[in-house]
Amino acid sequence: MKLPVIKSVVQFIEQNDEDYILETLEVLEHLSQAQGLKDEEVEVIGELISNMYGGLEVIKEMKNGTPMKDALNGFMKRVLGSIDK
């Protein structure tokens, strides 16, 4: 996951609507199942999916009153904490 990409997704949701991200996720998840994709291509799609879900998690925290910077940092700490376990 890349913080700048997640931040960009959050900004997109703020300017538009999270439904765009949800629909894009559906398309990407469908594409990831396509036959003939190379491992590297599936990895790129997976990274995009992860970042978009991260953006949705950050937006959820922001809707609960958490400032963007704190929501982003908290999300990344949770991600890094789960990797360390």
N, C-alpha and C. Protein backbone atom coordinates (compact mmCIF):
# COMPACT_ATOMS: atom_id res chain seq x y z
N MET A 1 0.85 -1.18 0.00
CA MET A 1 0.00 0.00 0.00
C MET A 1 0.89 1.23 0.00
N LYS A 2 0.44 2.21 -0.71
CA LYS A 2 1.21 3.45 -0.82
C LYS A 2 0.35 4.61 -0.32
N LEU A 3 0.87 5.30 0.70
CA LEU A 3 0.14 6.40 1.33
C LEU A 3 -0.26 7.49 0.33
N PRO A 4 0.63 7.91 -0.59
CA PRO A 4 0.21 8.95 -1.54
C PRO A 4 -0.97 8.51 -2.42
N VAL A 5 -1.00 7.24 -2.78
CA VAL A 5 -2.11 6.74 -3.61
C VAL A 5 -3.40 6.72 -2.79
N ILE A 6 -3.31 6.25 -1.54
CA ILE A 6 -4.49 6.23 -0.68
C ILE A 6 -5.00 7.64 -0.46
N LYS A 7 -4.09 8.58 -0.23
CA LYS A 7 -4.48 9.98 -0.04
C LYS A 7 -5.18 10.51 -1.29
N SER A 8 -4.68 10.15 -2.45
CA SER A 8 -5.30 10.58 -3.70
C SER A 8 -6.71 10.00 -3.84
N VAL A 9 -6.88 8.74 -3.44
CA VAL A 9 -8.22 8.12 -3.48
C VAL A 9 -9.15 8.86 -2.54
N VAL A 10 -8.66 9.19 -1.34
CA VAL A 10 -9.48 9.93 -0.37
C VAL A 10 -9.91 11.28 -0.95
N GLN A 11 -8.97 11.98 -1.56
CA GLN A 11 -9.29 13.28 -2.16
C GLN A 11 -10.31 13.13 -3.28
N PHE A 12 -10.19 12.08 -4.07
CA PHE A 12 -11.15 11.82 -5.14
C PHE A 12 -12.54 11.61 -4.55
N ILE A 13 -12.62 10.81 -3.49
CA ILE A 13 -13.92 10.53 -2.86
C ILE A 13 -14.51 11.82 -2.31
N GLU A 14 -13.68 12.66 -1.70
CA GLU A 14 -14.17 13.94 -1.15
C GLU A 14 -14.73 14.83 -2.25
N GLN A 15 -14.12 14.82 -3.41
CA GLN A 15 -14.53 15.68 -4.51
C GLN A 15 -15.68 15.10 -5.31
N ASN A 16 -15.84 13.79 -5.27
CA ASN A 16 -16.85 13.13 -6.08
C ASN A 16 -17.78 12.32 -5.19
N ASP A 17 -17.63 11.02 -5.23
CA ASP A 17 -18.50 10.15 -4.46
C ASP A 17 -17.81 8.80 -4.32
N GLU A 18 -17.98 8.14 -3.20
CA GLU A 18 -17.31 6.85 -3.03
C GLU A 18 -17.90 5.76 -3.90
N ASP A 19 -19.08 5.99 -4.47
CA ASP A 19 -19.67 5.01 -5.38
C ASP A 19 -18.78 4.76 -6.60
N TYR A 20 -18.06 5.80 -7.04
CA TYR A 20 -17.13 5.61 -8.17
C TYR A 20 -16.06 4.59 -7.80
N ILE A 21 -15.55 4.68 -6.59
CA ILE A 21 -14.51 3.76 -6.14
C ILE A 21 -15.07 2.36 -6.00
N LEU A 22 -16.26 2.24 -5.43
CA LEU A 22 -16.88 0.93 -5.26
C LEU A 22 -17.12 0.24 -6.61
N GLU A 23 -17.56 1.00 -7.60
CA GLU A 23 -17.79 0.43 -8.93
C GLU A 23 -16.46 0.07 -9.60
N THR A 24 -15.46 0.90 -9.41
CA THR A 24 -14.14 0.60 -9.97
C THR A 24 -13.57 -0.67 -9.34
N LEU A 25 -13.78 -0.82 -8.04
CA LEU A 25 -13.32 -2.03 -7.36
C LEU A 25 -13.97 -3.28 -7.94
N GLU A 26 -15.25 -3.20 -8.23
CA GLU A 26 -15.94 -4.34 -8.85
C GLU A 26 -15.30 -4.71 -10.18
N VAL A 27 -14.99 -3.69 -10.98
CA VAL A 27 -14.37 -3.95 -12.29
C VAL A 27 -12.97 -4.55 -12.11
N LEU A 28 -12.18 -3.97 -11.23
CA LEU A 28 -10.82 -4.47 -11.02
C LEU A 28 -10.83 -5.90 -10.48
N GLU A 29 -11.74 -6.18 -9.55
CA GLU A 29 -11.82 -7.54 -9.02
C GLU A 29 -12.22 -8.53 -10.12
N HIS A 30 -13.11 -8.11 -10.99
CA HIS A 30 -13.50 -8.96 -12.12
C HIS A 30 -12.32 -9.16 -13.06
N LEU A 31 -11.62 -8.08 -13.37
CA LEU A 31 -10.46 -8.17 -14.28
C LEU A 31 -9.36 -9.07 -13.71
N SER A 32 -9.21 -9.07 -12.41
CA SER A 32 -8.14 -9.86 -11.81
C SER A 32 -8.35 -11.36 -12.02
N GLN A 33 -9.56 -11.74 -12.40
CA GLN A 33 -9.87 -13.15 -12.64
C GLN A 33 -9.74 -13.54 -14.11
N ALA A 34 -9.38 -12.58 -14.95
CA ALA A 34 -9.28 -12.84 -16.38
C ALA A 34 -8.17 -13.85 -16.67
N GLN A 35 -8.44 -14.72 -17.60
CA GLN A 35 -7.44 -15.70 -18.00
C GLN A 35 -6.34 -15.02 -18.80
N GLY A 36 -5.15 -15.54 -18.67
CA GLY A 36 -4.05 -15.04 -19.47
C GLY A 36 -3.28 -13.88 -18.86
N LEU A 37 -3.68 -13.43 -17.67
CA LEU A 37 -2.93 -12.34 -17.03
C LEU A 37 -1.63 -12.89 -16.46
N LYS A 38 -0.59 -12.11 -16.59
CA LYS A 38 0.70 -12.47 -15.99
C LYS A 38 0.64 -12.16 -14.50
N ASP A 39 1.50 -12.82 -13.74
CA ASP A 39 1.54 -12.59 -12.30
C ASP A 39 1.76 -11.11 -11.97
N GLU A 40 2.62 -10.46 -12.72
CA GLU A 40 2.90 -9.04 -12.47
C GLU A 40 1.66 -8.19 -12.68
N GLU A 41 0.86 -8.53 -13.67
CA GLU A 41 -0.36 -7.78 -13.94
C GLU A 41 -1.38 -7.96 -12.82
N VAL A 42 -1.48 -9.18 -12.33
CA VAL A 42 -2.39 -9.45 -11.21
C VAL A 42 -1.92 -8.70 -9.97
N GLU A 43 -0.62 -8.63 -9.75
CA GLU A 43 -0.06 -7.89 -8.62
C GLU A 43 -0.39 -6.41 -8.69
N VAL A 44 -0.31 -5.82 -9.88
CA VAL A 44 -0.64 -4.41 -10.06
C VAL A 44 -2.12 -4.17 -9.77
N ILE A 45 -2.97 -5.02 -10.29
CA ILE A 45 -4.40 -4.89 -10.03
C ILE A 45 -4.67 -5.04 -8.53
N GLY A 46 -4.00 -6.00 -7.90
CA GLY A 46 -4.17 -6.21 -6.46
C GLY A 46 -3.72 -5.00 -5.66
N GLU A 47 -2.64 -4.37 -6.07
CA GLU A 47 -2.16 -3.17 -5.38
C GLU A 47 -3.16 -2.04 -5.52
N LEU A 48 -3.73 -1.87 -6.70
CA LEU A 48 -4.76 -0.84 -6.89
C LEU A 48 -5.97 -1.11 -6.00
N ILE A 49 -6.39 -2.36 -5.96
CA ILE A 49 -7.53 -2.74 -5.13
C ILE A 49 -7.24 -2.43 -3.66
N SER A 50 -6.06 -2.80 -3.19
CA SER A 50 -5.68 -2.56 -1.80
C SER A 50 -5.70 -1.08 -1.45
N ASN A 51 -5.14 -0.28 -2.34
CA ASN A 51 -5.11 1.17 -2.10
C ASN A 51 -6.50 1.77 -2.09
N MET A 52 -7.37 1.30 -2.95
CA MET A 52 -8.74 1.83 -2.99
C MET A 52 -9.51 1.44 -1.73
N TYR A 53 -9.36 0.19 -1.30
CA TYR A 53 -10.00 -0.20 -0.04
C TYR A 53 -9.41 0.59 1.13
N GLY A 54 -8.14 0.87 1.08
CA GLY A 54 -7.52 1.71 2.10
C GLY A 54 -8.14 3.09 2.13
N GLY A 55 -8.35 3.67 0.96
CA GLY A 55 -9.00 4.97 0.87
C GLY A 55 -10.40 4.95 1.46
N LEU A 56 -11.13 3.88 1.22
CA LEU A 56 -12.48 3.76 1.78
C LEU A 56 -12.43 3.66 3.31
N GLU A 57 -11.43 2.97 3.83
CA GLU A 57 -11.27 2.87 5.29
C GLU A 57 -10.96 4.23 5.90
N VAL A 58 -10.10 4.98 5.24
CA VAL A 58 -9.74 6.31 5.73
C VAL A 58 -10.96 7.24 5.69
N ILE A 59 -11.73 7.19 4.63
CA ILE A 59 -12.94 8.01 4.52
C ILE A 59 -13.90 7.67 5.65
N LYS A 60 -14.02 6.38 5.97
CA LYS A 60 -14.92 5.96 7.06
C LYS A 60 -14.50 6.62 8.37
N GLU A 61 -13.19 6.63 8.63
CA GLU A 61 -12.68 7.27 9.85
C GLU A 61 -12.95 8.78 9.83
N MET A 62 -12.77 9.38 8.66
CA MET A 62 -13.01 10.82 8.54
C MET A 62 -14.48 11.16 8.78
N LYS A 63 -15.38 10.29 8.35
CA LYS A 63 -16.80 10.51 8.59
C LYS A 63 -17.12 10.45 10.08
N ASN A 64 -16.28 9.75 10.84
CA ASN A 64 -16.45 9.66 12.29
C ASN A 64 -15.75 10.82 13.01
N GLY A 65 -15.23 11.77 12.23
CA GLY A 65 -14.66 12.98 12.82
C GLY A 65 -13.15 13.03 12.92
N THR A 66 -12.48 12.01 12.43
CA THR A 66 -11.02 11.99 12.48
C THR A 66 -10.46 12.84 11.34
N PRO A 67 -9.53 13.76 11.63
CA PRO A 67 -8.92 14.54 10.55
C PRO A 67 -8.18 13.62 9.57
N MET A 68 -8.09 14.06 8.31
CA MET A 68 -7.49 13.22 7.26
C MET A 68 -6.11 12.73 7.65
N LYS A 69 -5.25 13.61 8.11
CA LYS A 69 -3.87 13.22 8.43
C LYS A 69 -3.87 12.12 9.50
N ASP A 70 -4.67 12.28 10.53
CA ASP A 70 -4.73 11.28 11.59
C ASP A 70 -5.33 9.97 11.09
N ALA A 71 -6.35 10.06 10.24
CA ALA A 71 -6.98 8.86 9.69
C ALA A 71 -6.00 8.11 8.80
N LEU A 72 -5.24 8.83 7.98
CA LEU A 72 -4.23 8.19 7.13
C LEU A 72 -3.14 7.52 7.97
N ASN A 73 -2.63 8.25 8.95
CA ASN A 73 -1.57 7.69 9.79
C ASN A 73 -2.06 6.50 10.60
N GLY A 74 -3.28 6.59 11.13
CA GLY A 74 -3.84 5.49 11.89
C GLY A 74 -4.04 4.25 11.03
N PHE A 75 -4.49 4.46 9.82
CA PHE A 75 -4.69 3.34 8.91
C PHE A 75 -3.36 2.66 8.60
N MET A 76 -2.35 3.44 8.28
CA MET A 76 -1.05 2.87 7.94
C MET A 76 -0.43 2.15 9.15
N LYS A 77 -0.64 2.67 10.35
CA LYS A 77 -0.14 1.99 11.54
C LYS A 77 -0.82 0.64 11.71
N ARG A 78 -2.13 0.58 11.45
CA ARG A 78 -2.85 -0.70 11.55
C ARG A 78 -2.32 -1.68 10.52
N VAL A 79 -2.09 -1.20 9.31
CA VAL A 79 -1.59 -2.07 8.25
C VAL A 79 -0.20 -2.59 8.62
N LEU A 80 0.68 -1.70 9.01
CA LEU A 80 2.04 -2.11 9.35
C LEU A 80 2.04 -3.02 10.58
N GLY A 81 1.15 -2.76 11.52
CA GLY A 81 1.04 -3.59 12.71
C GLY A 81 0.59 -4.99 12.38
N SER A 82 -0.31 -5.11 11.40
CA SER A 82 -0.79 -6.45 11.03
C SER A 82 0.27 -7.22 10.24
N ILE A 83 1.13 -6.51 9.56
CA ILE A 83 2.21 -7.16 8.81
C ILE A 83 3.26 -7.70 9.78
N ASP A 84 3.51 -6.95 10.85
CA ASP A 84 4.55 -7.35 11.82
C ASP A 84 4.15 -8.58 12.62
N LYS A 85 2.87 -8.88 12.68
CA LYS A 85 2.41 -10.02 13.50
C LYS A 85 2.66 -11.34 12.82
